[in-house]
C-alpha atoms as a PDB file:
ATOM      1  CA  MET A   1      12.283 -78.933 -34.086  1.00  0.00           C
ATOM      2  CA  ASN A   2      10.082 -76.050 -35.165  1.00  0.00           C
ATOM      3  CA  THR A   3       6.416 -77.045 -35.118  1.00  0.00           C
ATOM      4  CA  MET A   4       5.244 -73.998 -37.049  1.00  0.00           C
ATOM      5  CA  THR A   5       3.252 -75.037 -40.113  1.00  0.00           C
ATOM      6  CA  THR A   6       2.478 -71.618 -41.577  1.00  0.00           C
ATOM      7  CA  THR A   7       4.755 -70.550 -44.395  1.00  0.00           C
ATOM      8  CA  THR A   8       3.385 -67.059 -44.957  1.00  0.00           C
ATOM      9  CA  THR A   9       3.740 -64.350 -42.349  1.00  0.00           C
ATOM     10  CA  THR A  10       0.919 -61.954 -41.632  1.00  0.00           C
ATOM     11  CA  THR A  11       1.038 -58.743 -39.635  1.00  0.00           C
ATOM     12  CA  VAL A  12      -0.724 -59.426 -36.347  1.00  0.00           C
ATOM     13  CA  LEU A  13      -0.117 -56.083 -34.626  1.00  0.00           C
ATOM     14  CA  ASP A  14       0.291 -52.748 -36.396  1.00  0.00           C
ATOM     15  CA  ALA A  15       0.843 -49.743 -34.148  1.00  0.00           C
ATOM     16  CA  SER A  16       1.067 -46.650 -36.306  1.00  0.00           C
ATOM     17  CA  ASP A  17       2.407 -43.278 -35.078  1.00  0.00           C
ATOM     18  CA  VAL A  18       1.160 -43.871 -31.521  1.00  0.00           C
ATOM     19  CA  THR A  19       1.431 -40.743 -29.350  1.00  0.00           C
ATOM     20  CA  MET A  20       0.308 -40.559 -25.713  1.00  0.00           C
ATOM     21  CA  ARG A  21       0.175 -37.288 -23.805  1.00  0.00           C
ATOM     22  CA  PHE A  22      -0.686 -36.746 -20.160  1.00  0.00           C
ATOM     23  CA  GLY A  23      -1.374 -33.040 -19.787  1.00  0.00           C
ATOM     24  CA  GLY A  24       1.831 -31.324 -20.864  1.00  0.00           C
ATOM     25  CA  LEU A  25       3.912 -34.498 -20.809  1.00  0.00           C
ATOM     26  CA  THR A  26       4.372 -36.558 -23.959  1.00  0.00           C
ATOM     27  CA  ALA A  27       5.128 -40.064 -22.669  1.00  0.00           C
ATOM     28  CA  VAL A  28       5.138 -41.716 -26.119  1.00  0.00           C
ATOM     29  CA  ARG A  29       5.828 -39.783 -29.305  1.00  0.00           C
ATOM     30  CA  SER A  30       4.891 -41.128 -32.733  1.00  0.00           C
ATOM     31  CA  VAL A  31       6.005 -44.730 -32.160  1.00  0.00           C
ATOM     32  CA  SER A  32       5.284 -47.277 -34.891  1.00  0.00           C
ATOM     33  CA  LEU A  33       5.819 -50.999 -34.446  1.00  0.00           C
ATOM     34  CA  THR A  34       4.611 -54.193 -36.125  1.00  0.00           C
ATOM     35  CA  VAL A  35       4.601 -57.780 -34.895  1.00  0.00           C
ATOM     36  CA  ASP A  36       4.153 -60.600 -37.406  1.00  0.00           C
ATOM     37  CA  SER A  37       2.782 -64.089 -36.875  1.00  0.00           C
ATOM     38  CA  GLY A  38       5.400 -66.502 -35.548  1.00  0.00           C
ATOM     39  CA  GLU A  39       7.605 -63.642 -34.367  1.00  0.00           C
ATOM     40  CA  ILE A  40       8.967 -62.591 -30.975  1.00  0.00           C
ATOM     41  CA  VAL A  41       9.631 -58.857 -30.762  1.00  0.00           C
ATOM     42  CA  GLY A  42      11.339 -57.175 -27.816  1.00  0.00           C
ATOM     43  CA  LEU A  43      10.859 -53.674 -26.454  1.00  0.00           C
ATOM     44  CA  ILE A  44      13.733 -52.270 -24.417  1.00  0.00           C
ATOM     45  CA  GLY A  45      14.736 -48.887 -23.032  1.00  0.00           C
ATOM     46  CA  PRO A  46      15.833 -47.239 -19.788  1.00  0.00           C
ATOM     47  CA  ASN A  47      13.356 -46.473 -16.990  1.00  0.00           C
ATOM     48  CA  GLY A  48      10.888 -43.772 -18.006  1.00  0.00           C
ATOM     49  CA  ALA A  49      11.317 -44.511 -21.708  1.00  0.00           C
ATOM     50  CA  GLY A  50       7.565 -45.022 -22.199  1.00  0.00           C
ATOM     51  CA  LYS A  51       7.555 -48.813 -22.666  1.00  0.00           C
ATOM     52  CA  THR A  52       4.667 -49.593 -20.305  1.00  0.00           C
ATOM     53  CA  THR A  53       2.686 -46.562 -21.543  1.00  0.00           C
ATOM     54  CA  PHE A  54       3.065 -47.891 -25.085  1.00  0.00           C
ATOM     55  CA  PHE A  55       1.935 -51.369 -23.923  1.00  0.00           C
ATOM     56  CA  ASN A  56      -1.114 -49.795 -22.276  1.00  0.00           C
ATOM     57  CA  CYS A  57      -2.002 -48.113 -25.580  1.00  0.00           C
ATOM     58  CA  LEU A  58      -1.857 -51.512 -27.293  1.00  0.00           C
ATOM     59  CA  THR A  59      -4.197 -53.175 -24.781  1.00  0.00           C
ATOM     60  CA  GLY A  60      -6.950 -50.560 -24.477  1.00  0.00           C
ATOM     61  CA  LEU A  61      -5.976 -49.285 -21.028  1.00  0.00           C
ATOM     62  CA  TYR A  62      -5.090 -45.971 -22.675  1.00  0.00           C
ATOM     63  CA  VAL A  63      -6.617 -44.430 -25.783  1.00  0.00           C
ATOM     64  CA  PRO A  64      -3.708 -42.980 -27.784  1.00  0.00           C
ATOM     65  CA  THR A  65      -3.781 -39.188 -28.150  1.00  0.00           C
ATOM     66  CA  GLU A  66      -2.741 -39.716 -31.773  1.00  0.00           C
ATOM     67  CA  GLY A  67      -2.154 -42.697 -34.033  1.00  0.00           C
ATOM     68  CA  LYS A  68      -3.916 -46.043 -34.157  1.00  0.00           C
ATOM     69  CA  VAL A  69      -3.438 -49.655 -33.152  1.00  0.00           C
ATOM     70  CA  SER A  70      -4.696 -52.475 -35.389  1.00  0.00           C
ATOM     71  CA  TYR A  71      -4.896 -56.205 -34.721  1.00  0.00           C
ATOM     72  CA  LYS A  72      -5.061 -58.344 -37.871  1.00  0.00           C
ATOM     73  CA  GLY A  73      -6.206 -55.323 -39.873  1.00  0.00           C
ATOM     74  CA  THR A  74      -8.928 -54.120 -37.485  1.00  0.00           C
ATOM     75  CA  VAL A  75      -8.500 -50.989 -35.347  1.00  0.00           C
ATOM     76  CA  LEU A  76      -8.745 -52.030 -31.700  1.00  0.00           C
ATOM     77  CA  PRO A  77     -11.558 -50.764 -29.443  1.00  0.00           C
ATOM     78  CA  PRO A  78     -10.492 -48.677 -26.409  1.00  0.00           C
ATOM     79  CA  LYS A  79     -11.621 -51.219 -23.784  1.00  0.00           C
ATOM     80  CA  PRO A  80      -9.264 -53.839 -22.285  1.00  0.00           C
ATOM     81  CA  HIS A  81     -11.868 -56.641 -22.223  1.00  0.00           C
ATOM     82  CA  LEU A  82     -12.744 -56.005 -25.888  1.00  0.00           C
ATOM     83  CA  VAL A  83      -9.052 -56.006 -26.817  1.00  0.00           C
ATOM     84  CA  THR A  84      -8.737 -59.394 -25.064  1.00  0.00           C
ATOM     85  CA  LYS A  85     -11.801 -60.647 -26.895  1.00  0.00           C
ATOM     86  CA  ALA A  86     -10.283 -59.483 -30.198  1.00  0.00           C
ATOM     87  CA  GLY A  87      -7.247 -61.695 -29.571  1.00  0.00           C
ATOM     88  CA  ILE A  88      -4.608 -59.830 -27.534  1.00  0.00           C
ATOM     89  CA  ALA A  89      -3.670 -61.025 -24.040  1.00  0.00           C
ATOM     90  CA  ARG A  90      -1.126 -59.559 -21.625  1.00  0.00           C
ATOM     91  CA  THR A  91       0.677 -60.051 -18.353  1.00  0.00           C
ATOM     92  CA  PHE A  92       1.729 -57.265 -15.989  1.00  0.00           C
ATOM     93  CA  GLN A  93       4.930 -56.166 -14.243  1.00  0.00           C
ATOM     94  CA  ASN A  94       3.199 -56.844 -10.935  1.00  0.00           C
ATOM     95  CA  ILE A  95       1.639 -60.298 -10.904  1.00  0.00           C
ATOM     96  CA  ARG A  96      -2.159 -60.075 -10.894  1.00  0.00           C
ATOM     97  CA  LEU A  97      -3.402 -63.496  -9.875  1.00  0.00           C
ATOM     98  CA  PHE A  98      -6.387 -64.369  -7.709  1.00  0.00           C
ATOM     99  CA  ALA A  99      -4.222 -65.307  -4.722  1.00  0.00           C
ATOM    100  CA  ASN A 100      -6.900 -67.257  -2.829  1.00  0.00           C
ATOM    101  CA  MET A 101      -8.136 -69.199  -5.844  1.00  0.00           C
ATOM    102  CA  THR A 102      -6.543 -72.407  -7.041  1.00  0.00           C
ATOM    103  CA  VAL A 103      -4.147 -72.638  -9.952  1.00  0.00           C
ATOM    104  CA  LEU A 104      -6.876 -74.267 -12.062  1.00  0.00           C
ATOM    105  CA  GLU A 105      -9.478 -71.637 -11.107  1.00  0.00           C
ATOM    106  CA  ASN A 106      -7.127 -68.835 -12.174  1.00  0.00           C
ATOM    107  CA  VAL A 107      -6.850 -70.375 -15.641  1.00  0.00           C
ATOM    108  CA  LEU A 108     -10.616 -70.932 -15.826  1.00  0.00           C
ATOM    109  CA  VAL A 109     -11.182 -67.223 -15.135  1.00  0.00           C
ATOM    110  CA  GLY A 110      -8.888 -66.481 -18.087  1.00  0.00           C
ATOM    111  CA  ARG A 111     -11.247 -68.565 -20.262  1.00  0.00           C
ATOM    112  CA  HIS A 112     -14.219 -66.267 -19.669  1.00  0.00           C
ATOM    113  CA  THR A 113     -13.737 -64.254 -22.887  1.00  0.00           C
ATOM    114  CA  ARG A 114     -13.980 -67.467 -24.917  1.00  0.00           C
ATOM    115  CA  THR A 115     -17.116 -68.890 -23.264  1.00  0.00           C
ATOM    116  CA  LYS A 116     -20.672 -67.609 -23.588  1.00  0.00           C
ATOM    117  CA  GLU A 117     -21.181 -67.755 -19.841  1.00  0.00           C
ATOM    118  CA  GLY A 118     -18.733 -64.964 -18.995  1.00  0.00           C
ATOM    119  CA  LEU A 119     -16.706 -63.993 -15.925  1.00  0.00           C
ATOM    120  CA  TRP A 120     -19.413 -63.840 -13.266  1.00  0.00           C
ATOM    121  CA  SER A 121     -20.747 -67.229 -14.179  1.00  0.00           C
ATOM    122  CA  ALA A 122     -17.206 -68.602 -13.945  1.00  0.00           C
ATOM    123  CA  LEU A 123     -16.764 -67.062 -10.494  1.00  0.00           C
ATOM    124  CA  LEU A 124     -20.251 -67.826  -9.147  1.00  0.00           C
ATOM    125  CA  ARG A 125     -20.676 -71.294 -10.651  1.00  0.00           C
ATOM    126  CA  GLY A 126     -23.995 -70.480 -12.339  1.00  0.00           C
ATOM    127  CA  PRO A 127     -25.957 -72.984 -14.437  1.00  0.00           C
ATOM    128  CA  GLY A 128     -24.409 -71.728 -17.678  1.00  0.00           C
ATOM    129  CA  PHE A 129     -20.988 -72.386 -16.246  1.00  0.00           C
ATOM    130  CA  LYS A 130     -21.933 -75.957 -15.279  1.00  0.00           C
ATOM    131  CA  LYS A 131     -22.785 -76.644 -18.915  1.00  0.00           C
ATOM    132  CA  ALA A 132     -19.447 -75.444 -20.283  1.00  0.00           C
ATOM    133  CA  GLU A 133     -17.413 -76.603 -17.284  1.00  0.00           C
ATOM    134  CA  ALA A 134     -16.155 -79.869 -18.754  1.00  0.00           C
ATOM    135  CA  ALA A 135     -14.765 -78.277 -21.939  1.00  0.00           C
ATOM    136  CA  SER A 136     -13.220 -75.370 -20.053  1.00  0.00           C
ATOM    137  CA  HIS A 137     -11.725 -77.689 -17.442  1.00  0.00           C
ATOM    138  CA  GLU A 138     -10.147 -79.829 -20.159  1.00  0.00           C
ATOM    139  CA  ARG A 139      -8.656 -76.806 -21.934  1.00  0.00           C
ATOM    140  CA  ALA A 140      -7.385 -75.340 -18.652  1.00  0.00           C
ATOM    141  CA  MET A 141      -5.673 -78.611 -17.742  1.00  0.00           C
ATOM    142  CA  GLU A 142      -4.070 -78.704 -21.204  1.00  0.00           C
ATOM    143  CA  LEU A 143      -2.619 -75.256 -20.539  1.00  0.00           C
ATOM    144  CA  LEU A 144      -1.381 -76.284 -17.085  1.00  0.00           C
ATOM    145  CA  LYS A 145       0.341 -79.306 -18.652  1.00  0.00           C
ATOM    146  CA  PHE A 146       1.842 -76.999 -21.275  1.00  0.00           C
ATOM    147  CA  ILE A 147       3.422 -74.754 -18.612  1.00  0.00           C
ATOM    148  CA  GLY A 148       4.323 -77.685 -16.326  1.00  0.00           C
ATOM    149  CA  LEU A 149       1.881 -76.961 -13.484  1.00  0.00           C
ATOM    150  CA  ALA A 150      -0.785 -79.637 -13.978  1.00  0.00           C
ATOM    151  CA  HIS A 151       0.389 -81.383 -10.789  1.00  0.00           C
ATOM    152  CA  LYS A 152      -0.391 -78.191  -8.821  1.00  0.00           C
ATOM    153  CA  ALA A 153      -3.870 -77.580 -10.251  1.00  0.00           C
ATOM    154  CA  ASP A 154      -5.490 -77.668  -6.780  1.00  0.00           C
ATOM    155  CA  HIS A 155      -2.848 -75.548  -5.021  1.00  0.00           C
ATOM    156  CA  LEU A 156      -3.704 -71.984  -4.046  1.00  0.00           C
ATOM    157  CA  ALA A 157      -2.007 -69.478  -6.371  1.00  0.00           C
ATOM    158  CA  ARG A 158      -0.436 -67.612  -3.444  1.00  0.00           C
ATOM    159  CA  ASN A 159       1.428 -70.761  -2.358  1.00  0.00           C
ATOM    160  CA  LEU A 160       3.322 -71.099  -5.643  1.00  0.00           C
ATOM    161  CA  PRO A 161       6.977 -70.051  -5.881  1.00  0.00           C
ATOM    162  CA  TYR A 162       7.483 -66.743  -7.669  1.00  0.00           C
ATOM    163  CA  GLY A 163       8.598 -68.223 -11.005  1.00  0.00           C
ATOM    164  CA  GLU A 164       5.559 -70.527 -11.078  1.00  0.00           C
ATOM    165  CA  GLN A 165       3.228 -67.596 -10.341  1.00  0.00           C
ATOM    166  CA  ARG A 166       4.666 -65.879 -13.419  1.00  0.00           C
ATOM    167  CA  LYS A 167       4.061 -69.035 -15.473  1.00  0.00           C
ATOM    168  CA  LEU A 168       0.496 -69.255 -14.164  1.00  0.00           C
ATOM    169  CA  GLU A 169      -0.149 -65.665 -15.202  1.00  0.00           C
ATOM    170  CA  ILE A 170       1.031 -66.559 -18.710  1.00  0.00           C
ATOM    171  CA  ALA A 171      -1.264 -69.624 -18.720  1.00  0.00           C
ATOM    172  CA  ARG A 172      -4.205 -67.470 -17.691  1.00  0.00           C
ATOM    173  CA  ALA A 173      -3.411 -65.072 -20.551  1.00  0.00           C
ATOM    174  CA  LEU A 174      -3.196 -68.018 -22.977  1.00  0.00           C
ATOM    175  CA  ALA A 175      -6.609 -69.245 -21.778  1.00  0.00           C
ATOM    176  CA  SER A 176      -8.240 -66.422 -23.771  1.00  0.00           C
ATOM    177  CA  GLU A 177      -6.764 -68.041 -26.920  1.00  0.00           C
ATOM    178  CA  PRO A 178      -4.869 -64.971 -28.126  1.00  0.00           C
ATOM    179  CA  GLY A 179      -3.138 -64.483 -31.446  1.00  0.00           C
ATOM    180  CA  LEU A 180      -0.762 -62.023 -29.750  1.00  0.00           C
ATOM    181  CA  LEU A 181       0.689 -62.232 -26.238  1.00  0.00           C
ATOM    182  CA  LEU A 182       2.158 -59.122 -24.585  1.00  0.00           C
ATOM    183  CA  LEU A 183       4.569 -59.868 -21.737  1.00  0.00           C
ATOM    184  CA  ASP A 184       5.528 -57.016 -19.392  1.00  0.00           C
ATOM    185  CA  GLU A 185       8.841 -57.969 -17.738  1.00  0.00           C
ATOM    186  CA  PRO A 186       8.132 -61.713 -17.519  1.00  0.00           C
ATOM    187  CA  THR A 187      11.457 -62.542 -15.809  1.00  0.00           C
ATOM    188  CA  ALA A 188      11.392 -59.765 -13.169  1.00  0.00           C
ATOM    189  CA  GLY A 189      12.440 -61.265  -9.835  1.00  0.00           C
ATOM    190  CA  MET A 190      13.342 -64.653 -11.332  1.00  0.00           C
ATOM    191  CA  ASN A 191      16.503 -66.631 -10.630  1.00  0.00           C
ATOM    192  CA  PRO A 192      18.607 -67.890 -13.594  1.00  0.00           C
ATOM    193  CA  GLN A 193      16.875 -71.307 -13.680  1.00  0.00           C
ATOM    194  CA  GLU A 194      13.418 -69.699 -13.707  1.00  0.00           C
ATOM    195  CA  THR A 195      14.544 -67.291 -16.429  1.00  0.00           C
ATOM    196  CA  ARG A 196      15.716 -70.179 -18.622  1.00  0.00           C
ATOM    197  CA  ALA A 197      12.380 -71.938 -18.075  1.00  0.00           C
ATOM    198  CA  ALA A 198      10.533 -68.739 -19.066  1.00  0.00           C
ATOM    199  CA  GLU A 199      12.605 -68.502 -22.247  1.00  0.00           C
ATOM    200  CA  GLU A 200      11.745 -72.090 -23.206  1.00  0.00           C
ATOM    201  CA  LEU A 201       8.062 -71.440 -22.477  1.00  0.00           C
ATOM    202  CA  ILE A 202       7.980 -68.323 -24.688  1.00  0.00           C
ATOM    203  CA  PHE A 203       9.639 -70.226 -27.545  1.00  0.00           C
ATOM    204  CA  ALA A 204       7.013 -72.972 -27.137  1.00  0.00           C
ATOM    205  CA  ILE A 205       4.233 -70.340 -27.238  1.00  0.00           C
ATOM    206  CA  ARG A 206       5.696 -68.897 -30.437  1.00  0.00           C
ATOM    207  CA  ASP A 207       5.884 -72.391 -31.936  1.00  0.00           C
ATOM    208  CA  GLN A 208       2.126 -72.716 -31.380  1.00  0.00           C
ATOM    209  CA  GLY A 209       1.667 -69.815 -33.803  1.00  0.00           C
ATOM    210  CA  ILE A 210       1.153 -67.044 -31.237  1.00  0.00           C
ATOM    211  CA  ALA A 211       3.008 -63.774 -31.860  1.00  0.00           C
ATOM    212  CA  VAL A 212       4.809 -62.350 -28.803  1.00  0.00           C
ATOM    213  CA  LEU A 213       5.781 -58.800 -27.811  1.00  0.00           C
ATOM    214  CA  VAL A 214       7.899 -58.575 -24.663  1.00  0.00           C
ATOM    215  CA  ILE A 215       9.204 -55.731 -22.458  1.00  0.00           C
ATOM    216  CA  GLU A 216      12.249 -56.770 -20.471  1.00  0.00           C
ATOM    217  CA  HIS A 217      15.190 -55.287 -18.579  1.00  0.00           C
ATOM    218  CA  ASP A 218      17.307 -58.452 -18.782  1.00  0.00           C
ATOM    219  CA  MET A 219      19.338 -57.759 -21.917  1.00  0.00           C
ATOM    220  CA  ARG A 220      20.819 -61.235 -22.247  1.00  0.00           C
ATOM    221  CA  PHE A 221      17.316 -62.698 -22.069  1.00  0.00           C
ATOM    222  CA  ILE A 222      15.857 -60.308 -24.647  1.00  0.00           C
ATOM    223  CA  PHE A 223      18.686 -60.672 -27.162  1.00  0.00           C
ATOM    224  CA  ASN A 224      18.592 -64.494 -26.912  1.00  0.00           C
ATOM    225  CA  LEU A 225      14.825 -64.575 -27.248  1.00  0.00           C
ATOM    226  CA  CYS A 226      13.806 -62.061 -29.895  1.00  0.00           C
ATOM    227  CA  ASP A 227      13.794 -62.027 -33.675  1.00  0.00           C
ATOM    228  CA  ARG A 228      13.613 -58.235 -33.611  1.00  0.00           C
ATOM    229  CA  VAL A 229      14.166 -55.592 -30.911  1.00  0.00           C
ATOM    230  CA  ALA A 230      13.041 -51.951 -30.690  1.00  0.00           C
ATOM    231  CA  CYS A 231      14.619 -49.513 -28.233  1.00  0.00           C
ATOM    232  CA  LEU A 232      12.553 -46.654 -26.806  1.00  0.00           C
ATOM    233  CA  VAL A 233      14.276 -43.610 -25.322  1.00  0.00           C
ATOM    234  CA  GLN A 234      12.332 -40.645 -23.912  1.00  0.00           C
ATOM    235  CA  GLY A 235       9.142 -41.887 -25.559  1.00  0.00           C
ATOM    236  CA  GLU A 236      10.589 -42.230 -29.057  1.00  0.00           C
ATOM    237  CA  LYS A 237      11.845 -45.231 -31.011  1.00  0.00           C
ATOM    238  CA  LEU A 238      15.600 -44.831 -31.156  1.00  0.00           C
ATOM    239  CA  VAL A 239      16.467 -47.931 -33.170  1.00  0.00           C
ATOM    240  CA  GLU A 240      14.856 -51.180 -34.334  1.00  0.00           C
ATOM    241  CA  GLY A 241      16.393 -54.272 -35.856  1.00  0.00           C
ATOM    242  CA  THR A 242      17.872 -57.690 -35.163  1.00  0.00           C
ATOM    243  CA  PRO A 243      19.406 -58.242 -31.711  1.00  0.00           C
ATOM    244  CA  GLU A 244      22.864 -57.978 -33.308  1.00  0.00           C
ATOM    245  CA  VAL A 245      22.067 -54.576 -34.846  1.00  0.00           C
ATOM    246  CA  VAL A 246      20.507 -53.143 -31.685  1.00  0.00           C
ATOM    247  CA  GLN A 247      23.107 -54.317 -29.182  1.00  0.00           C
ATOM    248  CA  SER A 248      25.939 -52.984 -31.344  1.00  0.00           C
ATOM    249  CA  ASP A 249      24.316 -49.527 -31.682  1.00  0.00           C
ATOM    250  CA  GLU A 250      26.336 -47.145 -29.507  1.00  0.00           C
ATOM    251  CA  ARG A 251      23.290 -44.874 -29.047  1.00  0.00           C
ATOM    252  CA  VAL A 252      21.542 -47.726 -27.198  1.00  0.00           C
ATOM    253  CA  VAL A 253      24.527 -48.157 -24.888  1.00  0.00           C
ATOM    254  CA  ALA A 254      24.656 -44.390 -24.326  1.00  0.00           C
ATOM    255  CA  ALA A 255      20.935 -44.296 -23.505  1.00  0.00           C
ATOM    256  CA  TYR A 256      21.319 -46.980 -20.844  1.00  0.00           C
ATOM    257  CA  LEU A 257      24.383 -45.343 -19.344  1.00  0.00           C
ATOM    258  CA  GLY A 258      22.626 -41.986 -19.288  1.00  0.00           C
ATOM    259  CA  THR A 259      25.295 -40.283 -21.376  1.00  0.00           C
ATOM    260  CA  PRO A 260      24.215 -37.737 -24.004  1.00  0.00           C
ATOM    261  CA  PHE A 261      24.589 -38.564 -27.678  1.00  0.00           C
ATOM    262  CA  GLU A 262      24.125 -36.551 -30.839  1.00  0.00           C
ATOM    263  CA  GLY A 263      20.483 -36.156 -31.841  1.00  0.00           C
ATOM    264  CA  ALA A 264      19.126 -37.641 -28.612  1.00  0.00           C
ATOM    265  CA  PRO A 265      15.358 -37.774 -29.257  1.00  0.00           C
ATOM    266  CA  GLY A 266      13.073 -35.727 -27.095  1.00  0.00           C
ATOM    267  CA  ALA A 267      15.741 -33.957 -25.028  1.00  0.00           C
ATOM    268  CA  GLU A 268      14.410 -30.474 -25.751  1.00  0.00           C
ATOM    269  CA  GLU A 269      10.818 -31.533 -25.181  1.00  0.00           C
ATOM    270  CA  VAL A 270      11.629 -33.121 -21.814  1.00  0.00           C
ATOM    271  CA  ALA A 271      13.393 -29.934 -20.713  1.00  0.00           C
ATOM    272  CA  GLU A 272      10.395 -27.857 -21.808  1.00  0.00           C
ATOM    273  CA  VAL A 273       7.979 -30.096 -19.917  1.00  0.00           C
ATOM    274  CA  GLU A 274      10.106 -29.864 -16.766  1.00  0.00           C
ATOM    275  CA  ALA A 275      10.207 -26.091 -17.108  1.00  0.00           C
ATOM    276  CA  ALA A 276       6.450 -25.867 -17.711  1.00  0.00           C
ATOM    277  CA  GLU A 277       5.692 -28.026 -14.686  1.00  0.00           C
ATOM    278  CA  THR A 278       7.669 -25.734 -12.428  1.00  0.00           C
ATOM    279  CA  ALA A 279       5.821 -22.767 -14.002  1.00  0.00           C
ATOM    280  CA  ALA A 280       9.068 -21.422 -15.355  1.00  0.00           C
ATOM    281  CA  PRO A 281       9.351 -19.927 -18.844  1.00  0.00           C
ATOM    282  CA  SER A 282      10.288 -22.617 -21.342  1.00  0.00           C
ATOM    283  CA  THR A 283      12.630 -20.418 -23.392  1.00  0.00           C
ATOM    284  CA  ASP A 284      16.234 -21.504 -22.902  1.00  0.00           C
ATOM    285  CA  SER A 285      14.937 -24.360 -20.732  1.00  0.00           C
ATOM    286  CA  ARG A 286      17.074 -26.847 -22.619  1.00  0.00           C
ATOM    287  CA  THR A 287      20.161 -25.301 -20.985  1.00  0.00           C
ATOM    288  CA  GLU A 288      18.959 -26.698 -17.645  1.00  0.00           C
ATOM    289  CA  ASP A 289      19.761 -30.198 -18.907  1.00  0.00           C
ATOM    290  CA  VAL A 290      23.365 -29.418 -19.775  1.00  0.00           C
ATOM    291  CA  GLN A 291      25.662 -31.142 -17.298  1.00  0.00           C
END
């Protein structure tokens, strides 16, 4: 049963013509993407397609060279902690937990953007923290129940199995009470049972009214999960649509297999960058890519 009560959809995330250059390399070129409330959107593409760079532009780790990113109609500030405070939370490809803190403590640290006391008070147990401790503890335990880890609240994070560490990272992200959750390869390294559990958890998060944007290499997972999928290739958006539309697009298949296709985006630019980086003249550089 769907527990969503909202009947109107609003645009939560609006990334408009986002371009990110590093020196001579254009990692992301004029990518636009929206995520609406109550929606799960997937971002796929072969290695080096610019997916994580694009994610970093959405979360304030990078300031886009061009374009803008808005959350609920407000352009986001270029600082990760301010982006979190605004209402966007994320997980990372490589799990970033406090390994020697308990499961509960990890979630409490995630609460710091929503309490007046802040991170250092949470870590150092200052007087301000004592005051807010009961409310934060209650909310953290609610989140641990939600992800199925309440019984391990006092366990050290490093002692959790891999799949549970991933879940804990999601709980810590949820502790900041986001309106949008960005998941960077949430099922990486998981076995099939853990992957199914992650899928159920993400559906449950969506049903709480939180919009979700997910990068993932597991195609079966992404096409089962998402309402809409965008495919990035060489830093450009190749196609966007329902899972059925995207998985039946032969250009997507070609991109993953590494075979050339007509109008492949960015091919000339990549060749020019490679030529420039080896200090070779860029004229006729595209011929170097011909197999």
